[in-house]
């Protein structure tokens, strides 16, 4: 090829690759599908990229190095702290699961596609890999709740070097057996020696590379503008050194380097991660375009019905079997097991290694080597298509994900921010508040809000927070710089379109001082408050628009310029945020949250009516929960653990949560709170339920609960000693609605604090009479 043709080919690869990823993002499709299709069309179909020119050792060297850099970037996202809950499952998936997948895929290749035994074993090893290039984008799209996302991420990243090394060792064993005629025993010994060498070299070189990088960065021997370049140089150098010492050990080296760097406490890796993410976009584009463009048109004839059956067996049989076996001895629930069983797309490592293997096997098995790459490419395309297009509805059906989460992360826990958070929470929106001020966080928690003390600018904050159900950030701190930096930081999770901040205090060029979308501004009043978040002369209203005359136009006419809309909640719990660049027109049935001016004039009639409805709604929720609550009436003294076991068994039948898990939650931690007047409220919140459940227990002989002072508190937060308890209310509420949970506790507490409660409680002579005491009806 001429220099001009090579230049055009390079430019075409970049243009096609980046464009395919943008189209995939725009239409929410798996990017790998479009990359493979674009490469195939540009290569064998149209000839824009000549397949013959994409042959040779340089292609495999480029592919191998690119994968090494991608795995380093992936390793930077792995925190060892994430393994506290799912570590056993990850361990089993990358050991036992790999062996089961290897055997299942190998048997399928032998009996279905007709490969000989040696190549079947090789294909089985090759198809054990999944990879971060496909797993991470799917997880980012689906956003599964709980530990299952962490397990899938760890498996997808760590299994790449493991699977690649396994496949390479099998290949080397095959080649060694044919070249040296040593038989199967000799090949196994050779493979074992290779495995030991790969592990030693990978661990040793990775530790040395990280030590060098930390030395350069921690002692500031490298200027800031060269840090990313030096880090890339170190990774590439470590990869090359590792490959020189032992072939195919580079992937393990770079993956371990990423994990070591992510978990060391000495230097920040945020800048490295951002740089590698940008580089990864170009590398993925080049890899998939080049690899798919190398295929010949004749490769399509190998993608026949046998290959499709092989694909179906991998998806429907091999993967579920591997996950099921790996789940033995782990705390995985059936929903988590089912989700992981439907998530094993193959990616760039499988495609790249298949091309390399086909090239090296042509001398030994010329006919079957030509079939290897097309069938593996079919598996890559097929698994990405099946999992990519179905994983979101599967996760939804299993109640493990919200593809379009509507929750709000509020940065800042001052009074005005708490008012906004409380208004959203009362409308059923999941809200999480974060602030570095411990006093403000305590205030938020006392008001029944879900709040965590955290530094929004910390590189670990995204990993430490439970962002399940959260879909946007609203930065409300008085510090414009903090808001802007937080918006930039959380755009990695929520996309820039879903990151908001209050407008800057400067009216000049606000777009240059913000990284998030600006909330609706009120420049007439911002100058009188620090950062626009003080106790504004306004109050917050969140009311449904319904009925004649109660429209957005009526609100505008009544309040005029003093109406500042903030949020719009539509049917289906869709939350929209009013911003400087986008306003919405509320419709009947919507709920509007807005700031309005405090005046002496009467409010619109629907405000007061809606507030009354809200109070009645809270009482109605409690009465509905109480109506369906079972009553356990104990005449003789029973140990607290016995009561917990009985209640947990009862709840297991009602909500499906294992009794052992509930018992543990009720017995330990701050899951129970003792109140005055001989009553206790053990309560937990879990994502396993959608509606609150209550079990009422009466202990006629009284019950003494033994506890540590640090574990149990009175309603006012002071430690108490053991005291007789005659009434216990075991409450289970949805994790997503902490406000409703606190309202229910408050309702129960208010009934208990009424004069004469304990006398009426002990005098009640039936289950209904016991419930009547709680709703204030006289005891017959």
Foldseek 3Di string as FASTA:
>chain_A
DDPVLVVQVLVLLQVQLLVLVVVCVVVVAQSLLSLLVSLQCCAANPNSDDLVVLDDDVNLVLLVLLLLLVLLLLLLPDEPVLCPAPVLLLVLCLPLLLVLQLVLQLVLCCPQLPDDNLVSSLLSLLQSAFACSQLVVLCLLFVFFDSLSVSSSSNNSVNLLVSLLSNVLSLQLVVCCVVVVPPDVVSVVSSVVLVVQLVVLLVVLLVVLLVVLLVCVLVVVDDPVCNLVVNSVSLSVSLVVSCVSHNSSSNSNSNVNSNVVNHDDRDDCPVNSVVSVVVSSSSQSNLSSSLSSNDHPVLVVSCDPSLVVSLVCSLPPSLLVSLVVSCPPHPDDPLSSVLSSLDRAHDRSSLSVLVVSLVVCCVPPVVVSSNRNSSSVCSNSVSSNRSSVCSNVSSVVSLGGDSAQAAEEEEDQDDQSLQVQLLCLLVVHFYEYEYQDPVSQVVSVVLLHHYDYDQLLDPCPVVPDRCGSHQAYEYEDLDLQSLQNSLVNCCVNRPQQRYEYAFFLDPPPRVVSHSHFHADDDNVFQVVDRSSRDPDQWHKAKFAQADPLRAPVNVCVVQPPQKRWAWKAAPVRHIDGHGPVDDDGDDHRIIIIIIGHDDPDDDDVRRVVRVVVSVVVLVVLLLVQLVPAAEAEAADEDAPLVVLLVVLVVVCVVQVDHSVVSSVQQQDAQQKEDEPPQEIEREDAEQSDDGKHKYKYFYLVWYWHDDDQNRYYYPVRHGDGTDTHGIYIYMYGYPSNSNSVVSSVVLQVVLSPDPPLNVQCNPADDPVSNSCSSVVHHRD
